[in-house]
N, C-alpha and C. Protein backbone atom coordinates (compact mmCIF):
# COMPACT_ATOMS: atom_id res chain seq x y z
N UNK A 1 55.95 -111.62 -117.68
CA UNK A 1 55.42 -110.29 -117.30
C UNK A 1 56.53 -109.34 -117.50
N UNK A 2 58.04 -109.28 -116.75
CA UNK A 2 59.05 -108.57 -116.77
C UNK A 2 59.45 -108.37 -118.10
N UNK A 3 59.56 -109.05 -118.92
CA UNK A 3 59.53 -109.49 -120.16
C UNK A 3 58.92 -108.38 -121.08
N UNK A 4 57.62 -108.65 -120.85
CA UNK A 4 56.53 -107.98 -121.51
C UNK A 4 56.46 -106.15 -121.61
N UNK A 5 56.92 -106.03 -119.95
CA UNK A 5 57.35 -104.77 -119.27
C UNK A 5 58.12 -104.05 -120.06
N UNK A 6 59.50 -104.61 -120.17
CA UNK A 6 60.55 -104.32 -120.48
C UNK A 6 60.46 -103.76 -121.69
N UNK A 7 59.82 -104.62 -122.74
CA UNK A 7 59.73 -104.35 -124.04
C UNK A 7 59.04 -102.86 -124.38
N UNK A 8 57.70 -102.98 -123.66
CA UNK A 8 56.74 -101.82 -123.76
C UNK A 8 57.81 -100.89 -123.32
N UNK A 9 57.93 -100.70 -122.35
CA UNK A 9 58.93 -99.07 -121.74
C UNK A 9 59.96 -99.00 -122.75
N UNK A 10 60.58 -99.95 -123.21
CA UNK A 10 61.74 -99.88 -124.33
C UNK A 10 61.31 -99.05 -125.47
N UNK A 11 60.23 -99.83 -126.23
CA UNK A 11 59.14 -98.91 -127.03
C UNK A 11 58.99 -97.35 -126.91
N UNK A 12 58.07 -97.30 -125.59
CA UNK A 12 57.79 -96.44 -125.06
C UNK A 12 58.89 -95.10 -125.22
N UNK A 13 60.15 -95.49 -124.80
CA UNK A 13 61.56 -94.45 -124.78
C UNK A 13 61.77 -94.28 -125.76
N UNK A 14 61.61 -95.38 -126.86
CA UNK A 14 61.86 -94.56 -128.04
C UNK A 14 61.66 -94.38 -128.83
N UNK A 15 59.96 -94.02 -128.91
CA UNK A 15 59.40 -93.40 -129.04
C UNK A 15 59.25 -91.54 -128.75
N UNK A 16 59.63 -91.69 -127.73
CA UNK A 16 59.65 -90.47 -126.99
C UNK A 16 61.31 -89.74 -127.66
N UNK A 17 61.95 -90.81 -127.79
CA UNK A 17 63.43 -89.68 -128.31
C UNK A 17 63.35 -89.76 -129.77
N UNK A 18 62.24 -90.40 -130.18
CA UNK A 18 62.26 -90.16 -131.67
C UNK A 18 62.12 -88.88 -132.08
N UNK A 19 62.47 -88.10 -133.86
CA UNK A 19 62.42 -86.63 -133.85
C UNK A 19 61.65 -86.87 -135.34
N UNK A 20 61.24 -86.07 -135.83
CA UNK A 20 60.53 -86.05 -136.94
C UNK A 20 61.57 -85.74 -138.73
N UNK A 21 61.76 -86.29 -139.60
CA UNK A 21 62.87 -86.46 -140.20
C UNK A 21 62.56 -85.17 -140.80
N UNK A 22 63.27 -85.05 -141.72
CA UNK A 22 63.65 -83.24 -142.30
C UNK A 22 63.55 -83.38 -144.12
N UNK A 23 62.58 -83.10 -144.81
CA UNK A 23 62.64 -83.25 -146.23
C UNK A 23 62.93 -82.03 -147.03
N UNK A 24 63.63 -82.27 -148.06
CA UNK A 24 63.47 -81.10 -148.70
C UNK A 24 63.21 -81.08 -150.00
N UNK A 25 62.16 -80.04 -150.41
CA UNK A 25 61.23 -80.34 -151.63
C UNK A 25 61.88 -80.41 -152.49
N UNK A 26 61.98 -81.70 -153.66
CA UNK A 26 62.78 -81.90 -154.68
C UNK A 26 62.29 -80.90 -156.39
N UNK A 27 62.54 -79.44 -156.51
CA UNK A 27 61.79 -78.98 -157.19
C UNK A 27 61.61 -79.48 -158.47
N UNK A 28 62.42 -80.17 -158.86
CA UNK A 28 62.11 -80.84 -160.38
C UNK A 28 61.30 -82.04 -160.15
N UNK A 29 60.53 -82.40 -159.18
CA UNK A 29 59.40 -83.00 -159.52
C UNK A 29 58.09 -82.67 -158.25
N UNK A 30 58.35 -81.58 -158.55
CA UNK A 30 56.87 -80.78 -157.51
C UNK A 30 56.03 -79.74 -158.61
N UNK A 31 55.14 -79.67 -158.60
CA UNK A 31 54.69 -78.49 -159.24
C UNK A 31 53.16 -78.55 -159.07
N UNK A 32 52.65 -77.36 -158.35
CA UNK A 32 51.71 -76.88 -157.93
C UNK A 32 50.52 -76.62 -159.27
N UNK A 33 49.60 -77.70 -159.71
CA UNK A 33 49.18 -76.90 -160.95
C UNK A 33 47.53 -76.81 -160.54
N UNK A 34 46.56 -76.25 -161.49
CA UNK A 34 45.22 -75.73 -161.30
C UNK A 34 44.62 -75.58 -162.36
N UNK A 35 43.66 -75.89 -162.01
CA UNK A 35 42.14 -75.32 -163.27
C UNK A 35 41.07 -74.59 -162.82
N UNK A 36 41.71 -73.79 -163.83
CA UNK A 36 40.27 -71.95 -163.72
C UNK A 36 39.69 -71.94 -164.92
N UNK A 37 38.35 -71.34 -164.54
CA UNK A 37 37.29 -70.93 -165.63
C UNK A 37 37.89 -70.41 -166.40
N UNK A 38 37.81 -70.45 -167.73
CA UNK A 38 37.80 -68.87 -168.78
C UNK A 38 36.57 -68.68 -169.43
N UNK A 39 35.82 -67.38 -169.39
CA UNK A 39 34.71 -67.22 -169.93
C UNK A 39 33.21 -67.41 -169.67
N UNK A 40 33.25 -67.70 -167.76
CA UNK A 40 32.80 -68.38 -167.88
C UNK A 40 31.68 -69.79 -168.21
N UNK A 41 32.74 -70.59 -168.07
CA UNK A 41 32.39 -72.31 -168.55
C UNK A 41 32.39 -72.27 -170.39
N UNK A 42 33.08 -71.49 -170.75
CA UNK A 42 33.79 -71.66 -172.01
C UNK A 42 34.21 -72.81 -172.22
N UNK A 43 35.94 -72.77 -171.56
CA UNK A 43 36.97 -73.35 -171.47
C UNK A 43 37.22 -73.48 -169.94
N UNK A 44 38.02 -74.80 -170.11
CA UNK A 44 38.75 -74.63 -168.51
C UNK A 44 40.17 -74.62 -168.78
N UNK A 45 41.03 -73.20 -168.42
CA UNK A 45 42.39 -73.56 -168.27
C UNK A 45 43.52 -74.17 -167.82
N UNK A 46 44.44 -74.70 -167.89
CA UNK A 46 45.03 -75.67 -166.96
C UNK A 46 47.04 -75.19 -167.27
N UNK A 47 47.37 -74.87 -165.46
CA UNK A 47 48.55 -74.24 -165.72
C UNK A 47 49.00 -74.78 -164.82
N UNK A 48 50.58 -74.27 -164.04
CA UNK A 48 51.27 -74.71 -163.16
C UNK A 48 52.19 -73.81 -162.98
N UNK A 49 52.83 -73.95 -161.58
CA UNK A 49 54.06 -73.14 -161.50
C UNK A 49 55.49 -73.95 -161.20
N UNK A 50 55.97 -73.36 -162.27
CA UNK A 50 57.59 -74.45 -162.84
C UNK A 50 58.84 -74.19 -161.88
N UNK A 51 58.34 -73.40 -160.35
CA UNK A 51 59.73 -73.45 -159.28
C UNK A 51 58.87 -73.22 -157.91
N UNK A 52 59.38 -74.60 -157.21
CA UNK A 52 58.33 -74.54 -155.85
C UNK A 52 59.86 -74.87 -154.97
N UNK A 53 60.06 -74.48 -153.66
CA UNK A 53 61.01 -75.32 -152.57
C UNK A 53 60.43 -74.60 -151.54
N UNK A 54 60.83 -75.85 -150.22
CA UNK A 54 59.96 -76.01 -149.46
C UNK A 54 60.84 -77.15 -148.53
N UNK A 55 60.38 -77.23 -147.21
CA UNK A 55 60.69 -78.36 -146.52
C UNK A 55 59.51 -78.91 -145.95
N UNK A 56 59.91 -80.65 -145.35
CA UNK A 56 58.89 -81.14 -145.13
C UNK A 56 59.31 -82.00 -143.26
N UNK A 57 58.93 -81.75 -142.34
CA UNK A 57 59.06 -82.47 -141.22
C UNK A 57 57.50 -83.54 -141.60
N UNK A 58 58.02 -85.14 -140.98
CA UNK A 58 57.41 -86.00 -140.88
C UNK A 58 57.86 -86.98 -139.72
N UNK A 59 56.69 -87.19 -138.88
CA UNK A 59 57.70 -88.06 -137.83
C UNK A 59 55.75 -89.02 -138.36
N UNK A 60 56.26 -90.16 -138.73
CA UNK A 60 55.07 -91.31 -138.91
C UNK A 60 54.59 -92.25 -137.55
N UNK A 61 55.76 -92.06 -136.60
CA UNK A 61 55.27 -92.62 -135.49
C UNK A 61 54.49 -92.12 -134.44
N UNK A 62 54.85 -90.61 -134.69
CA UNK A 62 53.93 -89.38 -133.67
C UNK A 62 52.98 -89.34 -134.64
N UNK A 63 52.93 -89.49 -136.06
CA UNK A 63 51.82 -88.91 -136.50
C UNK A 63 51.79 -87.77 -136.72
N UNK A 64 52.55 -86.83 -136.95
CA UNK A 64 52.78 -85.86 -136.67
C UNK A 64 53.82 -85.01 -137.89
N UNK A 65 53.51 -83.89 -138.64
CA UNK A 65 54.48 -83.32 -139.49
C UNK A 65 54.55 -81.86 -140.08
N UNK A 66 54.62 -81.18 -140.30
CA UNK A 66 54.87 -79.81 -141.23
C UNK A 66 55.17 -80.09 -142.73
N UNK A 67 54.80 -78.51 -143.16
CA UNK A 67 54.87 -78.24 -144.44
C UNK A 67 55.31 -76.60 -144.49
N UNK A 68 56.61 -76.21 -144.94
CA UNK A 68 56.56 -75.26 -145.11
C UNK A 68 56.86 -74.94 -146.76
N UNK A 69 56.38 -74.63 -147.85
CA UNK A 69 56.44 -74.15 -149.39
C UNK A 69 56.61 -72.93 -149.15
N UNK A 70 57.31 -72.66 -150.28
CA UNK A 70 57.44 -71.47 -151.66
C UNK A 70 57.24 -71.57 -152.66
N UNK A 71 56.33 -70.50 -153.55
CA UNK A 71 56.02 -71.01 -154.71
C UNK A 71 56.34 -69.71 -155.36
N UNK A 72 57.27 -69.58 -156.33
CA UNK A 72 57.56 -68.82 -157.20
C UNK A 72 56.30 -68.59 -158.40
N UNK A 73 56.37 -67.61 -157.70
CA UNK A 73 54.71 -67.17 -158.57
C UNK A 73 55.49 -66.62 -159.87
N UNK A 74 56.30 -66.08 -160.17
CA UNK A 74 56.50 -65.72 -161.51
C UNK A 74 56.79 -66.80 -162.52
N UNK A 75 57.13 -68.08 -161.97
CA UNK A 75 56.93 -68.90 -163.02
C UNK A 75 55.76 -69.88 -163.28
N UNK A 76 54.66 -69.11 -163.26
CA UNK A 76 53.44 -69.72 -163.52
C UNK A 76 53.88 -70.34 -165.25
N UNK A 77 52.56 -71.12 -165.43
CA UNK A 77 52.96 -71.48 -167.23
C UNK A 77 51.62 -72.08 -167.50
N UNK A 78 50.95 -71.43 -168.17
CA UNK A 78 49.58 -72.02 -169.03
C UNK A 78 50.15 -72.97 -170.34
N UNK A 79 51.46 -72.24 -170.88
CA UNK A 79 51.37 -73.13 -171.74
C UNK A 79 51.46 -72.03 -172.94
N UNK A 80 50.71 -70.91 -172.95
CA UNK A 80 50.05 -69.81 -173.74
C UNK A 80 51.11 -68.86 -173.15
N UNK A 81 52.45 -68.27 -174.12
CA UNK A 81 53.31 -66.98 -173.73
C UNK A 81 52.56 -65.73 -173.13
N UNK A 82 51.73 -65.46 -174.28
CA UNK A 82 50.94 -64.34 -174.13
C UNK A 82 49.19 -64.48 -173.06
N UNK A 83 49.62 -65.66 -172.49
CA UNK A 83 48.26 -65.61 -171.14
C UNK A 83 49.57 -65.34 -169.95
N UNK A 84 50.32 -66.00 -170.05
CA UNK A 84 51.54 -66.19 -169.12
C UNK A 84 51.71 -64.49 -168.75
N UNK A 85 52.27 -64.09 -169.79
CA UNK A 85 52.37 -62.28 -169.54
C UNK A 85 51.01 -61.45 -168.46
N UNK A 86 49.89 -62.08 -168.74
CA UNK A 86 48.70 -61.05 -168.37
C UNK A 86 48.53 -61.62 -167.26
N UNK A 87 48.63 -62.45 -166.67
CA UNK A 87 48.40 -63.13 -165.41
C UNK A 87 49.23 -62.83 -164.43
N UNK A 88 50.55 -62.64 -165.27
CA UNK A 88 51.60 -62.19 -164.37
C UNK A 88 51.58 -60.71 -164.02
N UNK A 89 50.64 -59.82 -164.40
CA UNK A 89 50.48 -58.55 -164.29
C UNK A 89 49.59 -58.52 -163.24
N UNK A 90 49.63 -56.83 -163.13
CA UNK A 90 49.16 -56.34 -161.93
C UNK A 90 47.15 -56.52 -162.24
N UNK A 91 47.03 -56.89 -163.06
CA UNK A 91 45.61 -57.62 -163.32
C UNK A 91 45.15 -58.60 -162.59
N UNK A 92 46.32 -59.59 -161.93
CA UNK A 92 45.89 -60.70 -161.71
C UNK A 92 47.26 -61.00 -160.62
N UNK A 93 48.30 -61.69 -160.70
CA UNK A 93 48.65 -62.09 -159.44
C UNK A 93 50.21 -60.57 -159.32
N UNK A 94 50.02 -60.02 -159.98
CA UNK A 94 51.03 -59.03 -159.56
C UNK A 94 52.59 -59.56 -159.73
N UNK A 95 53.22 -60.21 -160.03
CA UNK A 95 54.49 -60.88 -159.73
C UNK A 95 55.49 -59.81 -159.37
N UNK A 96 55.62 -58.61 -159.73
CA UNK A 96 56.33 -57.62 -159.68
C UNK A 96 56.15 -57.65 -157.82
N UNK A 97 54.89 -57.21 -157.74
CA UNK A 97 54.77 -57.07 -156.13
C UNK A 97 54.46 -58.05 -155.10
N UNK A 98 54.50 -59.12 -155.83
CA UNK A 98 54.33 -60.60 -154.79
C UNK A 98 54.85 -61.68 -155.93
N UNK A 99 56.06 -61.60 -155.57
CA UNK A 99 56.50 -62.37 -156.63
C UNK A 99 56.67 -64.25 -155.92
N UNK A 100 56.29 -64.46 -154.82
CA UNK A 100 56.23 -65.54 -154.33
C UNK A 100 54.95 -65.65 -153.08
N UNK A 101 54.13 -66.96 -153.60
CA UNK A 101 53.08 -67.27 -152.44
C UNK A 101 53.94 -68.47 -151.87
N UNK A 102 53.14 -68.67 -150.77
CA UNK A 102 53.83 -69.43 -149.22
C UNK A 102 52.44 -70.45 -148.98
N UNK A 103 52.67 -71.53 -148.56
CA UNK A 103 51.71 -72.55 -147.86
C UNK A 103 52.51 -73.12 -146.69
N UNK A 104 52.14 -72.94 -145.41
CA UNK A 104 52.59 -73.00 -144.29
C UNK A 104 51.57 -74.05 -143.34
N UNK A 105 51.52 -75.00 -143.05
CA UNK A 105 50.58 -76.25 -142.51
C UNK A 105 50.85 -76.90 -141.75
N UNK A 106 50.38 -77.35 -141.17
CA UNK A 106 50.69 -79.47 -140.32
C UNK A 106 49.36 -80.29 -141.00
N UNK A 107 50.37 -81.81 -140.59
CA UNK A 107 49.81 -82.51 -140.80
C UNK A 107 48.40 -82.91 -139.64
N UNK A 108 47.09 -82.68 -140.03
CA UNK A 108 45.81 -82.51 -139.22
C UNK A 108 44.89 -83.55 -139.28
N UNK A 109 45.70 -85.15 -140.23
CA UNK A 109 44.48 -86.14 -140.41
C UNK A 109 45.45 -87.43 -140.98
N UNK A 110 45.12 -88.22 -140.19
CA UNK A 110 45.81 -89.82 -140.83
C UNK A 110 45.31 -91.01 -140.57
N UNK A 111 45.33 -91.70 -141.34
CA UNK A 111 44.71 -93.02 -141.70
C UNK A 111 45.75 -94.37 -141.38
N UNK A 112 46.10 -94.74 -140.36
CA UNK A 112 47.30 -95.29 -139.54
C UNK A 112 48.07 -93.96 -139.57
N UNK A 113 49.29 -94.68 -139.74
CA UNK A 113 50.45 -93.46 -139.72
C UNK A 113 50.91 -92.59 -141.43
N UNK A 114 49.95 -93.00 -142.02
CA UNK A 114 50.01 -91.77 -143.85
C UNK A 114 48.53 -90.65 -143.16
N UNK A 115 49.48 -89.05 -143.45
CA UNK A 115 48.82 -88.27 -143.87
C UNK A 115 47.73 -88.21 -144.29
N UNK A 116 46.49 -87.54 -144.56
CA UNK A 116 45.42 -87.73 -145.13
C UNK A 116 45.07 -86.21 -145.10
N UNK A 117 45.45 -85.07 -144.78
CA UNK A 117 45.08 -83.91 -144.96
C UNK A 117 45.97 -82.73 -144.17
N UNK A 118 46.16 -81.92 -144.46
CA UNK A 118 46.63 -80.59 -144.49
C UNK A 118 46.11 -79.44 -143.92
N UNK A 119 46.40 -78.80 -142.60
CA UNK A 119 45.82 -77.38 -142.44
C UNK A 119 46.66 -76.61 -142.56
N UNK A 120 46.26 -75.46 -142.98
CA UNK A 120 47.35 -74.29 -143.17
C UNK A 120 47.22 -73.28 -143.60
N UNK A 121 47.93 -72.53 -143.80
CA UNK A 121 47.63 -71.02 -144.46
C UNK A 121 47.87 -70.81 -146.08
N UNK A 122 47.50 -70.13 -147.04
CA UNK A 122 47.82 -70.00 -148.13
C UNK A 122 48.12 -68.61 -147.90
N UNK A 123 49.50 -67.43 -148.40
CA UNK A 123 49.24 -66.74 -148.59
C UNK A 123 49.41 -66.37 -150.21
N UNK A 124 49.18 -65.51 -150.40
CA UNK A 124 48.15 -65.46 -151.95
C UNK A 124 48.46 -64.06 -151.79
N UNK A 125 49.48 -63.01 -153.17
CA UNK A 125 49.11 -61.67 -153.47
C UNK A 125 48.86 -60.74 -152.06
N UNK A 126 49.35 -61.24 -151.40
CA UNK A 126 49.69 -60.41 -150.23
C UNK A 126 48.73 -60.92 -149.21
N UNK A 127 47.67 -61.47 -149.68
CA UNK A 127 46.18 -62.17 -148.44
C UNK A 127 46.67 -63.73 -148.18
N UNK A 128 46.54 -63.84 -146.77
CA UNK A 128 46.89 -64.65 -146.13
C UNK A 128 45.35 -65.97 -145.51
N UNK A 129 45.10 -66.58 -146.12
CA UNK A 129 43.51 -67.32 -145.56
C UNK A 129 44.14 -68.66 -145.38
N UNK A 130 43.05 -69.24 -144.72
CA UNK A 130 42.92 -70.59 -144.42
C UNK A 130 42.89 -71.54 -145.69
N UNK A 131 43.74 -72.63 -146.14
CA UNK A 131 43.73 -73.60 -146.49
C UNK A 131 43.81 -75.23 -146.29
N UNK A 132 42.91 -76.04 -146.20
CA UNK A 132 42.86 -77.36 -146.27
C UNK A 132 43.55 -78.27 -147.36
N UNK A 133 44.50 -78.72 -147.86
CA UNK A 133 44.64 -79.84 -148.39
C UNK A 133 44.61 -81.05 -148.24
N UNK A 134 43.93 -81.97 -149.40
CA UNK A 134 43.13 -83.04 -148.99
C UNK A 134 44.31 -83.97 -149.57
N UNK A 135 44.71 -85.10 -148.91
CA UNK A 135 46.02 -85.64 -149.50
C UNK A 135 45.54 -87.38 -150.03
N UNK A 136 45.44 -87.21 -151.48
CA UNK A 136 45.08 -88.35 -151.72
C UNK A 136 45.73 -89.85 -151.81
N UNK A 137 47.47 -89.50 -152.16
CA UNK A 137 48.29 -90.25 -152.01
C UNK A 137 49.59 -89.74 -151.21
N UNK A 138 50.22 -91.09 -150.44
CA UNK A 138 51.31 -90.57 -150.07
C UNK A 138 52.16 -91.70 -149.64
N UNK A 139 53.77 -91.76 -150.20
CA UNK A 139 54.15 -92.84 -149.69
C UNK A 139 55.92 -92.27 -149.44
N UNK A 140 56.71 -92.92 -148.91
CA UNK A 140 57.74 -92.91 -148.81
C UNK A 140 59.06 -94.09 -148.74
N UNK A 141 59.71 -93.78 -149.26
CA UNK A 141 60.48 -95.08 -150.01
C UNK A 141 61.69 -94.80 -150.36
N UNK A 142 62.94 -95.87 -150.26
CA UNK A 142 64.72 -95.06 -150.34
C UNK A 142 63.74 -95.18 -152.27
N UNK A 143 64.95 -93.77 -152.66
CA UNK A 143 64.60 -93.81 -154.02
C UNK A 143 65.42 -95.12 -155.03
N UNK A 144 65.04 -95.00 -155.94
CA UNK A 144 65.60 -95.99 -157.00
C UNK A 144 66.55 -95.46 -157.35
N UNK A 145 67.07 -94.44 -157.50
CA UNK A 145 68.64 -93.97 -158.28
C UNK A 145 69.57 -93.70 -156.53
N UNK A 146 68.34 -93.25 -155.53
CA UNK A 146 69.65 -92.22 -155.09
C UNK A 146 69.87 -92.81 -153.71
N UNK A 147 68.76 -93.88 -153.71
CA UNK A 147 68.49 -95.18 -152.35
C UNK A 147 68.29 -93.75 -151.22
N UNK A 148 68.27 -92.62 -151.19
CA UNK A 148 68.02 -91.48 -150.40
C UNK A 148 66.35 -91.66 -150.08
N UNK A 149 65.69 -91.95 -148.78
CA UNK A 149 64.67 -91.64 -148.58
C UNK A 149 63.90 -90.98 -148.87
N UNK A 150 62.52 -90.67 -149.90
CA UNK A 150 62.07 -89.96 -150.37
C UNK A 150 60.52 -90.05 -150.30
N UNK A 151 59.65 -89.09 -149.82
CA UNK A 151 58.23 -89.37 -149.75
C UNK A 151 58.01 -88.16 -151.02
N UNK A 152 56.72 -89.14 -151.32
CA UNK A 152 55.90 -87.96 -152.37
C UNK A 152 54.38 -88.01 -152.16
N UNK A 153 53.40 -86.71 -152.76
CA UNK A 153 51.99 -87.24 -152.06
C UNK A 153 51.61 -86.33 -153.29
N UNK A 154 50.41 -86.50 -153.33
CA UNK A 154 49.36 -85.81 -154.59
C UNK A 154 48.11 -85.31 -153.32
N UNK A 155 47.98 -84.05 -153.79
CA UNK A 155 47.21 -82.94 -153.01
C UNK A 155 45.98 -82.27 -153.36
N UNK A 156 45.14 -82.15 -152.64
CA UNK A 156 44.16 -81.09 -153.80
C UNK A 156 43.69 -80.22 -153.01
N UNK A 157 42.41 -79.20 -153.40
CA UNK A 157 42.03 -78.30 -152.73
C UNK A 157 41.32 -77.26 -153.75
N UNK A 158 40.01 -76.84 -153.14
CA UNK A 158 39.48 -75.78 -153.97
C UNK A 158 39.86 -74.04 -153.45
N UNK A 159 39.76 -72.97 -154.32
CA UNK A 159 39.98 -72.34 -153.47
C UNK A 159 39.18 -70.79 -153.85
N UNK A 160 38.93 -69.81 -154.10
CA UNK A 160 38.07 -68.58 -154.40
C UNK A 160 39.04 -67.81 -154.69
N UNK A 161 39.44 -67.33 -155.89
CA UNK A 161 40.91 -66.78 -155.98
C UNK A 161 40.49 -65.40 -155.97
N UNK A 162 39.00 -64.67 -155.92
CA UNK A 162 38.71 -63.50 -154.94
C UNK A 162 39.14 -63.17 -154.38
N UNK A 163 39.40 -64.56 -153.43
CA UNK A 163 39.46 -64.31 -151.49
C UNK A 163 41.12 -63.64 -151.34
N UNK A 164 41.40 -64.28 -152.29
CA UNK A 164 43.17 -63.32 -152.35
C UNK A 164 43.05 -62.27 -153.42
N UNK A 165 42.20 -61.52 -153.24
CA UNK A 165 42.06 -60.06 -154.23
C UNK A 165 42.79 -60.76 -155.63
N UNK A 166 42.40 -61.84 -156.39
CA UNK A 166 42.53 -61.61 -157.78
C UNK A 166 41.27 -62.47 -158.23
N UNK A 167 40.67 -60.89 -158.87
CA UNK A 167 39.22 -60.85 -159.27
C UNK A 167 39.26 -61.11 -161.16
N UNK A 168 40.09 -60.33 -161.36
CA UNK A 168 39.95 -60.64 -162.72
C UNK A 168 39.03 -61.57 -163.80
N UNK A 169 37.95 -60.83 -164.71
CA UNK A 169 37.20 -61.84 -165.05
C UNK A 169 35.35 -61.60 -164.39
N UNK A 170 35.81 -61.24 -163.42
CA UNK A 170 34.66 -61.44 -162.53
C UNK A 170 33.67 -61.26 -163.32
N UNK A 171 33.87 -59.45 -163.73
CA UNK A 171 32.49 -58.93 -164.60
C UNK A 171 32.23 -59.86 -165.80
N UNK A 172 33.09 -60.61 -166.28
CA UNK A 172 32.82 -61.38 -167.31
C UNK A 172 32.35 -62.44 -166.80
N UNK A 173 32.26 -62.71 -166.03
CA UNK A 173 31.29 -64.12 -165.98
C UNK A 173 32.09 -65.21 -165.29
N UNK A 174 33.16 -64.76 -165.40
CA UNK A 174 34.42 -66.05 -164.96
C UNK A 174 34.29 -66.32 -163.32
N UNK A 175 34.24 -67.71 -163.07
CA UNK A 175 33.65 -68.37 -161.59
C UNK A 175 35.52 -68.12 -160.98
N UNK A 176 35.21 -67.87 -159.91
CA UNK A 176 36.72 -67.35 -159.65
C UNK A 176 36.66 -68.59 -158.95
N UNK A 177 36.66 -70.04 -158.82
CA UNK A 177 36.67 -71.31 -157.88
C UNK A 177 37.90 -71.74 -158.68
N UNK A 178 39.10 -72.03 -158.24
CA UNK A 178 40.29 -72.86 -158.43
C UNK A 178 40.45 -74.43 -158.11
N UNK A 179 40.58 -75.13 -158.99
CA UNK A 179 40.84 -76.03 -158.56
C UNK A 179 42.21 -76.34 -158.36
N UNK A 180 42.94 -76.84 -157.20
CA UNK A 180 44.11 -77.04 -156.65
C UNK A 180 44.59 -78.64 -156.98
N UNK A 181 45.84 -78.74 -157.71
CA UNK A 181 46.24 -80.43 -157.72
C UNK A 181 48.00 -80.10 -157.41
N UNK A 182 48.37 -80.69 -156.45
CA UNK A 182 49.74 -81.10 -156.12
C UNK A 182 50.49 -81.80 -156.04
N UNK A 183 51.87 -82.59 -156.54
CA UNK A 183 52.56 -83.31 -156.95
C UNK A 183 53.89 -82.99 -156.10
N UNK A 184 54.16 -83.48 -155.42
CA UNK A 184 55.29 -83.18 -154.06
C UNK A 184 56.29 -84.96 -154.25
N UNK A 185 57.62 -84.23 -154.33
CA UNK A 185 58.31 -85.16 -153.96
C UNK A 185 59.38 -84.56 -152.96
N UNK A 186 59.91 -85.42 -152.04
CA UNK A 186 60.80 -84.76 -151.27
C UNK A 186 62.13 -85.63 -150.73
N UNK A 187 62.77 -84.92 -150.60
CA UNK A 187 63.98 -85.97 -150.22
C UNK A 187 64.62 -85.82 -148.76
N UNK A 188 64.99 -87.36 -148.32
CA UNK A 188 65.10 -86.79 -146.84
C UNK A 188 66.68 -86.13 -146.35
N UNK A 189 66.92 -84.92 -145.38
CA UNK A 189 67.48 -84.38 -145.49
C UNK A 189 68.35 -84.51 -144.09
N UNK A 190 67.60 -84.81 -142.71
CA UNK A 190 68.06 -85.40 -141.61
C UNK A 190 66.73 -86.37 -140.51
C-alpha cells in the first residue's frame, strides 16, 4: 500500500512539474491551403500561402497547448500569376495594408492525449473573428533525419470571407465560403 501511494505521489508531482514543450513551425512543411468558389459554382480555385511562421506549445500529459501562427499574405499562390496579382490587390487581401494574417488559439478538445480541436481567433484583412480548427490527424515523433521530436497535424475549417471584409465577387454570385486545409509540422525547441 505504501509503495503504491509513493508511486502515485511521485507521478503526480512529476506531472505537476512538467511544462509544455515548445515547437517552432517548419515553414518548408507548413502550407495553409484553401478552396474558394469561382463564378458562383463554375469552378473551385485552390491556392496556398507559401510562407508561414509561428510556435506551438504542447503538453500531452496535461492535455493542453497553444498555437501562435503568422501567415505572410503576400505569399498567396494560386498557380496563376494574374490571379495572384489580383487577390493581393485592394480588391481582396490588400497585402500592402495587411501583409500578414494571424491565428492564436488553444487546444480545446482531446481524444486521449491527442488534440482534436483548436479554438482561437483569426485576424485577416484587419478583422479578428473566432475560428475553430478541427484536427484530422496529429502525431509527434523523432524526425527520421534530424532526430528532433517533430509534431505534425492536418487541420481544417470553413470560414466566410465576407466576415473579414473580403467580399469581391459577391455581386457576381461567388460563394463567400472558403474551405481551409492546413498541413503543419513543427520541431521541438525546448
